Protein backbone atom coordinates (compact mmCIF):
# COMPACT_ATOMS: atom_id res chain seq x y z
CA UNK A 1 43.05 64.37 -41.99
CA UNK A 2 39.44 64.68 -40.71
CA UNK A 3 37.55 61.75 -39.46
CA UNK A 4 33.81 62.11 -39.91
CA UNK A 5 32.45 59.26 -37.96
CA UNK A 6 33.80 56.63 -35.37
CA UNK A 7 35.07 53.37 -36.64
CA UNK A 8 34.92 50.11 -34.53
CA UNK A 9 37.36 48.25 -36.72
CA UNK A 10 38.93 48.92 -40.16
CA UNK A 11 37.27 47.27 -43.18
CA UNK A 12 38.82 45.72 -46.12
CA UNK A 13 37.03 48.01 -48.96
CA UNK A 14 36.87 51.61 -49.45
CA UNK A 15 35.11 53.75 -52.12
CA UNK A 16 37.05 56.84 -52.85
CA UNK A 17 34.94 59.86 -54.10
CA UNK A 18 36.13 62.80 -55.59
CA UNK A 19 33.84 65.89 -54.52
CA UNK A 20 33.42 68.70 -57.01
CA UNK A 21 31.33 67.91 -60.00
CA UNK A 22 31.24 64.15 -58.84
CA UNK A 23 29.33 64.40 -55.63
CA UNK A 24 28.03 67.98 -56.09
CA UNK A 25 27.25 69.73 -59.35
CA UNK A 26 29.74 72.69 -58.72
CA UNK A 27 32.93 73.65 -56.90
CA UNK A 28 32.57 73.48 -53.19
CA UNK A 29 34.93 76.28 -52.51
CA UNK A 30 33.28 78.69 -54.94
CA UNK A 31 29.85 77.72 -53.78
CA UNK A 32 30.52 79.52 -50.47
CA UNK A 33 31.58 82.92 -52.16
CA UNK A 34 28.18 84.38 -51.11
CA UNK A 35 28.49 83.79 -47.37
CA UNK A 36 32.08 84.65 -47.36
CA UNK A 37 31.21 88.07 -49.02
CA UNK A 38 28.56 88.57 -46.58
CA UNK A 39 30.94 88.22 -43.54
CA UNK A 40 33.51 90.46 -45.13
CA UNK A 41 36.16 87.96 -45.83
CA UNK A 42 36.14 88.65 -49.51
CA UNK A 43 35.04 91.68 -51.39
CA UNK A 44 32.65 92.01 -54.17
CA UNK A 45 35.28 92.08 -56.89
CA UNK A 46 36.67 88.74 -55.58
CA UNK A 47 33.02 87.34 -55.37
CA UNK A 48 32.39 88.40 -59.06
CA UNK A 49 35.74 86.63 -60.11
CA UNK A 50 34.75 83.47 -58.23
CA UNK A 51 31.47 83.41 -59.87
CA UNK A 52 33.20 83.92 -63.35
CA UNK A 53 35.77 81.20 -62.46
CA UNK A 54 32.73 78.84 -61.57
CA UNK A 55 31.22 79.37 -64.98
CA UNK A 56 34.43 78.51 -66.64
CA UNK A 57 34.83 75.56 -64.39
CA UNK A 58 31.40 74.17 -65.11
CA UNK A 59 31.67 74.82 -68.97
CA UNK A 60 35.26 73.81 -69.62
CA UNK A 61 36.19 71.30 -66.97
CA UNK A 62 38.88 71.56 -64.49
CA UNK A 63 42.37 70.69 -66.31
CA UNK A 64 45.54 70.86 -64.67
CA UNK A 65 46.38 74.44 -65.45
CA UNK A 66 43.12 75.94 -64.52
CA UNK A 67 43.02 74.07 -61.09
CA UNK A 68 46.55 75.22 -60.51
CA UNK A 69 45.72 78.61 -61.12
CA UNK A 70 42.55 78.47 -58.88
CA UNK A 71 44.56 76.82 -56.23
CA UNK A 72 47.21 79.75 -56.21
CA UNK A 73 44.40 82.43 -56.38
CA UNK A 74 42.48 80.78 -53.32
CA UNK A 75 45.76 80.23 -51.33
CA UNK A 76 46.67 84.20 -51.79
CA UNK A 77 42.95 85.25 -51.28
CA UNK A 78 42.64 83.42 -47.81
CA UNK A 79 45.98 84.32 -46.44
CA UNK A 80 45.33 85.97 -43.11
CA UNK A 81 41.70 84.61 -42.73
CA UNK A 82 40.72 83.36 -39.23
CA UNK A 83 40.38 79.67 -39.45
CA UNK A 84 37.71 79.32 -36.68
CA UNK A 85 35.76 81.93 -38.39
CA UNK A 86 35.93 80.22 -41.77
CA UNK A 87 34.84 76.92 -40.21
CA UNK A 88 31.93 78.55 -38.50
CA UNK A 89 30.74 80.18 -41.72
CA UNK A 90 30.84 76.88 -43.70
CA UNK A 91 28.95 74.97 -41.00
CA UNK A 92 26.41 77.77 -40.39
CA UNK A 93 25.62 77.85 -44.29
CA UNK A 94 26.40 74.22 -45.37
CA UNK A 95 22.84 73.13 -45.87
CA UNK A 96 21.59 76.06 -47.70
CA UNK A 97 24.83 76.30 -49.92
CA UNK A 98 25.79 72.73 -50.64
CA UNK A 99 22.69 70.57 -49.99
CA UNK A 100 20.77 71.71 -53.20
CA UNK A 101 23.90 70.91 -55.32
CA UNK A 102 24.42 67.20 -54.14
CA UNK A 103 23.71 64.69 -56.92
CA UNK A 104 20.98 62.20 -56.00
CA UNK A 105 22.78 59.52 -57.74
CA UNK A 106 26.04 60.11 -55.76
CA UNK A 107 24.09 60.36 -52.48
CA UNK A 108 22.40 56.98 -53.36
CA UNK A 109 25.69 55.42 -54.30
CA UNK A 110 27.54 56.53 -51.12
CA UNK A 111 24.47 55.11 -49.04
CA UNK A 112 24.76 51.84 -50.96
CA UNK A 113 28.44 51.58 -50.32
CA UNK A 114 27.94 52.13 -46.58
CA UNK A 115 25.25 49.50 -46.65
CA UNK A 116 27.68 47.12 -48.17
CA UNK A 117 30.09 47.57 -45.35
CA UNK A 118 32.41 49.70 -47.32
CA UNK A 119 34.15 52.77 -45.99
CA UNK A 120 33.54 56.03 -48.03
CA UNK A 121 36.58 58.26 -48.24
CA UNK A 122 36.12 61.75 -49.89
CA UNK A 123 39.35 62.86 -51.58
CA UNK A 124 39.19 66.65 -52.49
CA UNK A 125 41.47 69.33 -53.68
CA UNK A 126 39.22 71.78 -51.84
CA UNK A 127 40.55 72.80 -48.39
CA UNK A 128 39.49 70.45 -45.54
CA UNK A 129 37.51 73.21 -43.77
CA UNK A 130 35.10 73.21 -46.49
CA UNK A 131 35.37 69.69 -47.80
CA UNK A 132 35.12 67.75 -44.34
CA UNK A 133 31.71 69.15 -43.28
CA UNK A 134 30.37 68.25 -46.70
CA UNK A 135 31.78 64.80 -46.38
CA UNK A 136 30.20 64.62 -42.96
CA UNK A 137 26.90 65.73 -44.07
CA UNK A 138 26.88 62.89 -46.54
CA UNK A 139 27.87 60.17 -43.97
CA UNK A 140 31.26 59.67 -45.28
CA UNK A 141 33.87 57.62 -43.18
CA UNK A 142 36.42 60.31 -43.48
CA UNK A 143 37.70 63.08 -45.75
CA UNK A 144 41.17 63.86 -47.05
CA UNK A 145 41.52 67.32 -48.56
CA UNK A 146 43.93 70.03 -49.11
CA UNK A 147 45.35 71.31 -45.79
CA UNK A 148 46.44 75.03 -45.76
CA UNK A 149 49.39 76.12 -43.46
CA UNK A 150 47.85 77.55 -40.17
CA UNK A 151 50.06 80.07 -38.22
CA UNK A 152 48.41 81.60 -35.02
CA UNK A 153 44.99 80.40 -36.00
CA UNK A 154 45.15 82.08 -39.26
CA UNK A 155 45.94 80.76 -42.81
CA UNK A 156 49.48 81.73 -43.92
CA UNK A 157 48.74 81.60 -47.74
CA UNK A 158 50.81 78.40 -48.01
CA UNK A 159 49.79 74.85 -48.60
CA UNK A 160 50.84 72.03 -46.34
CA UNK A 161 49.29 69.20 -48.57
CA UNK A 162 47.66 69.76 -52.05
CA UNK A 163 45.07 66.74 -52.32
CA UNK A 164 45.25 66.88 -56.29
CA UNK A 165 46.42 64.72 -59.10
CA UNK A 166 49.10 62.31 -58.19
CA UNK A 167 48.57 63.24 -54.56
CA UNK A 168 45.19 61.58 -54.31
CA UNK A 169 46.72 58.26 -55.53
CA UNK A 170 49.19 58.81 -52.67
CA UNK A 171 46.35 59.43 -50.23
CA UNK A 172 44.53 56.40 -51.22
CA UNK A 173 47.63 54.13 -50.79
CA UNK A 174 48.29 55.79 -47.42
CA UNK A 175 44.57 55.06 -46.37
CA UNK A 176 44.91 51.29 -47.55
CA UNK A 177 48.03 51.12 -45.45
CA UNK A 178 46.62 52.63 -42.41
CA UNK A 179 43.15 50.87 -42.49
CA UNK A 180 43.87 47.54 -44.22
CA UNK A 181 42.10 48.24 -47.51
CA UNK A 182 42.80 45.81 -50.47
CA UNK A 183 43.04 48.40 -53.29
CA UNK A 184 42.30 45.76 -55.81
CA UNK A 185 38.90 45.48 -54.19
CA UNK A 186 38.44 49.30 -53.67
CA UNK A 187 36.31 51.65 -55.78
CA UNK A 188 37.09 55.16 -57.15
CA UNK A 189 34.76 57.88 -58.53
CA UNK A 190 35.75 61.21 -60.35
CA UNK A 191 34.89 63.54 -63.08
CA UNK A 192 38.42 64.71 -64.00
CA UNK A 193 41.25 63.34 -66.01
CA UNK A 194 43.71 64.85 -63.31
CA UNK A 195 42.42 61.97 -61.10
CA UNK A 196 43.54 59.21 -63.44
CA UNK A 197 46.37 58.35 -61.08
CA UNK A 198 43.75 57.55 -58.37
CA UNK A 199 41.52 55.46 -60.71
CA UNK A 200 44.74 53.36 -61.82
CA UNK A 201 45.44 52.29 -58.24
CA UNK A 202 42.10 50.70 -57.41
CA UNK A 203 40.33 47.65 -58.80
CA UNK A 204 36.96 49.35 -59.59
CA UNK A 205 37.51 52.80 -61.29
CA UNK A 206 34.64 54.70 -62.43
CA UNK A 207 34.36 57.99 -64.44
CA UNK A 208 31.47 60.27 -63.44
CA UNK A 209 30.45 63.03 -65.89
CA UNK A 210 33.92 62.73 -67.27
CA UNK A 211 35.71 65.52 -69.09
CA UNK A 212 36.96 64.94 -72.66
CA UNK A 213 40.28 63.27 -71.53
CA UNK A 214 39.07 61.21 -68.90
CA UNK A 215 36.18 59.91 -71.29
CA UNK A 216 38.78 58.95 -73.72
CA UNK A 217 40.94 57.11 -71.03
CA UNK A 218 37.91 55.31 -69.71
CA UNK A 219 36.98 54.13 -73.13
CA UNK A 220 40.47 52.96 -73.89
CA UNK A 221 40.73 51.10 -70.25
CA UNK A 222 37.10 49.91 -70.38
CA UNK A 223 36.26 51.86 -67.11
CA UNK A 224 32.55 52.23 -66.27
CA UNK A 225 31.17 55.65 -67.18
CA UNK A 226 28.37 57.04 -64.92
CA UNK A 227 25.92 59.97 -65.62
CA UNK A 228 24.90 62.00 -62.52
CA UNK A 229 22.33 64.52 -63.52
CA UNK A 230 19.87 65.20 -60.67
CA UNK A 231 21.19 67.77 -57.95
CA UNK A 232 18.57 67.64 -55.23
CA UNK A 233 18.27 68.52 -51.62
CA UNK A 234 19.33 65.51 -49.37
CA UNK A 235 16.57 66.75 -46.93
CA UNK A 236 14.05 65.01 -49.19
CA UNK A 237 16.08 62.49 -50.86
CA UNK A 238 18.62 60.90 -48.47
CA UNK A 239 17.79 57.25 -47.69
CA UNK A 240 16.26 56.43 -44.30
CA UNK A 241 19.28 54.31 -43.28
CA UNK A 242 21.39 57.47 -43.37
CA UNK A 243 18.82 59.80 -41.35
CA UNK A 244 20.98 59.55 -38.32
CA UNK A 245 23.99 61.10 -40.13
CA UNK A 246 21.75 63.99 -41.46
CA UNK A 247 20.66 64.65 -37.75
CA UNK A 248 24.22 64.64 -36.60
CA UNK A 249 25.01 67.15 -39.64
CA UNK A 250 22.18 69.22 -38.57
CA UNK A 251 23.34 69.29 -34.89
CA UNK A 252 26.87 70.20 -36.27
CA UNK A 253 25.50 73.19 -38.13
CA UNK A 254 23.46 74.40 -35.29
CA UNK A 255 26.47 74.14 -32.96
CA UNK A 256 28.65 76.01 -35.37
CA UNK A 257 25.92 78.76 -35.83
CA UNK A 258 25.60 79.29 -32.20
CA UNK A 259 29.24 79.45 -31.52
CA UNK A 260 29.60 81.85 -34.40
CA UNK A 261 26.96 84.06 -33.25
CA UNK A 262 28.21 84.17 -29.67
CA UNK A 263 31.62 84.83 -30.99
CA UNK A 264 30.41 87.80 -33.06
CA UNK A 265 28.45 89.23 -30.00
CA UNK A 266 31.61 89.22 -27.93
CA UNK A 267 33.66 90.91 -30.48
CA UNK A 268 31.01 93.53 -31.00
CA UNK A 269 30.90 94.17 -27.29
CA UNK A 270 34.61 94.36 -27.09
CA UNK A 271 34.85 96.88 -29.84
CA UNK A 272 31.96 98.86 -28.27
CA UNK A 273 33.89 99.08 -25.01
């Protein structure tokens, strides 16, 4: 579980947000293919496969079978990766890679929930090393994401917790128990029918750019359907009340970049010696 800002006291209402295609107009994990390729963690063939998968994801939606195949492929692909290196790459490239993909409507909705005194919790099937910095950049209260098993500082290729489908509903219930949320007063936003279990446990479910199955469910249940259409850089659109969180995010990126640069120099000197 990744905390993204300090809390003085738990609040009674939370807004749960899916990440991919709800907050951002793409897959967050696949969006980092280029920087991972540049740093040698994946090869060009894997990058091309990721680009193709992203195209399929955007055109056809992420049903259970596709998402499971993607999870299995990503788990196998990242086995052996150094966790600190991945985290540094994500933070170093975060604003260039993700910032332009954020829906203006999502950023404004998150800011409104925070202004209303609600906690904002991002629930994502993406790995937490990717999802948590994005949530932090947006000023979210915390992020619950997929956790990969880590052995000796490297990914083993196994999954400790898959934040997907029914598990998102489980995570929301755990958050409610831990932080005192009244789920009947809580909100949820997602694009995918795989997140219907999450929508069913809150009092204010919303379908965002829904896939066909979710749109049908929303019509049957009378859930509001929202259209997010304007991905645009947060640097120019984020509300003034959230400017402090942007500054913190920029500071985190700068710190990550500095650490990663120094780490590479030390490894380079060691190899030269």
